[in-house]
Amino acid sequence: IAGAVIAARMARTPVLLDGFACTAAAAVLAKIDPGLIDHCEVAHRSVEPGHTNLLERLGKRPLLDLDMRLGEASGAALAIAIVKAAVACHRDMATFAEAGISTRT
């Protein structure tokens, strides 16, 4: 997992960490150099013991907190829809000027 995170960084590809095991692998990289996980976001907070503590140590906030411990990247599957929606809003939303909305009060 740590190798995949490094490869993604080299390719300038964002990473969604999903669950305790992925976060633990990222923590090893952060110990070496905190910048190695700057491209990582956390999909969800797992109910696995220690995950909350690990996230706090890394300074990462999860996108979701649904009391899940399902595995199989279920948190990332849910979180990616939120990320895609946020990107679409940022990319496609008109400015007030483009939408013809007055900024005068």
Protein backbone atom coordinates (compact mmCIF):
# COMPACT_ATOMS: atom_id res chain seq x y z
CA ILE A 1 0.00 0.00 0.00
CA ALA A 2 2.83 2.41 0.88
CA GLY A 3 4.41 1.78 -2.52
CA ALA A 4 1.13 2.54 -4.29
CA VAL A 5 0.79 5.80 -2.34
CA ILE A 6 4.32 6.83 -3.37
CA ALA A 7 3.67 5.85 -7.01
CA ALA A 8 0.48 7.93 -6.99
CA ARG A 9 2.40 10.90 -5.61
CA MET A 10 5.00 10.59 -8.35
CA ALA A 11 2.18 10.47 -10.92
CA ARG A 12 0.51 13.51 -9.27
CA THR A 13 -2.60 11.41 -8.62
CA PRO A 14 -4.74 11.97 -5.53
CA VAL A 15 -5.36 9.04 -3.18
CA LEU A 16 -8.40 8.22 -1.06
CA LEU A 17 -7.25 6.25 1.98
CA ASP A 18 -9.90 3.77 3.03
CA GLY A 19 -9.79 2.22 6.47
CA PHE A 20 -7.24 1.46 9.13
CA ALA A 21 -4.77 -0.61 7.08
CA CYS A 22 -4.39 2.04 4.37
CA THR A 23 -4.07 4.79 6.95
CA ALA A 24 -1.43 2.79 8.82
CA ALA A 25 0.59 2.42 5.61
CA ALA A 26 0.29 6.17 5.02
CA ALA A 27 1.42 6.79 8.61
CA VAL A 28 4.69 4.97 7.91
CA LEU A 29 5.30 7.31 4.97
CA ALA A 30 4.35 10.37 7.03
CA LYS A 31 6.91 9.36 9.65
CA ILE A 32 9.61 9.33 6.95
CA ASP A 33 8.43 12.63 5.43
CA PRO A 34 5.02 14.21 6.17
CA GLY A 35 4.90 15.59 2.62
CA LEU A 36 4.69 12.06 1.22
CA ILE A 37 0.96 11.96 2.00
CA ASP A 38 -0.03 15.52 1.05
CA HIS A 39 -1.95 14.09 -1.92
CA CYS A 40 -3.98 11.76 0.33
CA GLU A 41 -7.46 12.29 1.72
CA VAL A 42 -9.27 9.92 4.06
CA ALA A 43 -12.50 8.38 2.76
CA HIS A 44 -14.02 7.44 6.10
CA ARG A 45 -13.31 6.93 9.78
CA SER A 46 -13.30 3.23 10.54
CA VAL A 47 -14.58 1.91 13.85
CA GLU A 48 -11.40 -0.17 14.05
CA PRO A 49 -9.64 0.53 17.36
CA GLY A 50 -6.95 3.15 16.94
CA HIS A 51 -8.10 4.61 13.62
CA THR A 52 -9.30 7.87 15.17
CA ASN A 53 -6.00 8.28 17.02
CA LEU A 54 -4.03 7.58 13.87
CA LEU A 55 -6.03 10.16 11.90
CA GLU A 56 -5.45 12.76 14.60
CA ARG A 57 -1.70 12.08 14.56
CA LEU A 58 -1.67 12.53 10.78
CA GLY A 59 -3.81 15.66 10.93
CA LYS A 60 -6.33 14.13 8.53
CA ARG A 61 -10.11 14.48 8.71
CA PRO A 62 -12.25 11.82 7.04
CA LEU A 63 -14.84 12.77 4.44
CA LEU A 64 -17.30 10.35 6.05
CA ASP A 65 -17.95 8.97 9.52
CA LEU A 66 -20.65 6.31 9.21
CA ASP A 67 -19.62 3.80 11.90
CA MET A 68 -18.52 1.35 9.20
CA ARG A 69 -16.08 -1.51 9.35
CA LEU A 70 -17.08 -3.28 6.18
CA GLY A 71 -13.78 -3.32 4.33
CA GLU A 72 -13.57 -3.84 0.59
CA ALA A 73 -13.12 -0.08 0.02
CA SER A 74 -16.77 0.58 0.83
CA GLY A 75 -15.91 3.94 2.40
CA ALA A 76 -13.97 5.04 -0.68
CA ALA A 77 -16.82 3.94 -2.94
CA LEU A 78 -19.15 6.28 -1.06
CA ALA A 79 -16.64 9.11 -0.66
CA ILE A 80 -15.65 9.21 -4.34
CA ALA A 81 -19.18 10.33 -5.24
CA ILE A 82 -18.79 13.29 -2.86
CA VAL A 83 -15.39 14.15 -4.33
CA LYS A 84 -16.75 13.99 -7.89
CA ALA A 85 -19.72 16.20 -6.95
CA ALA A 86 -17.41 18.77 -5.34
CA VAL A 87 -15.19 18.84 -8.43
CA ALA A 88 -18.23 19.26 -10.69
CA CYS A 89 -19.51 22.17 -8.58
CA HIS A 90 -16.12 23.85 -8.62
CA ARG A 91 -15.61 23.31 -12.34
CA ASP A 92 -19.12 24.01 -13.65
CA MET A 93 -20.69 26.57 -11.32
CA ALA A 94 -21.17 30.00 -12.87
CA THR A 95 -19.92 33.13 -11.20
CA PHE A 96 -22.46 35.77 -10.20
CA ALA A 97 -21.43 37.79 -13.27
CA GLU A 98 -21.81 34.81 -15.62
CA ALA A 99 -25.23 34.03 -14.15
CA GLY A 100 -26.35 37.65 -14.38
CA ILE A 101 -26.80 38.01 -10.62
CA SER A 102 -26.31 41.47 -9.18
CA THR A 103 -23.87 41.80 -6.31
CA ARG A 104 -25.43 45.10 -5.23
CA THR A 105 -27.42 45.03 -2.01
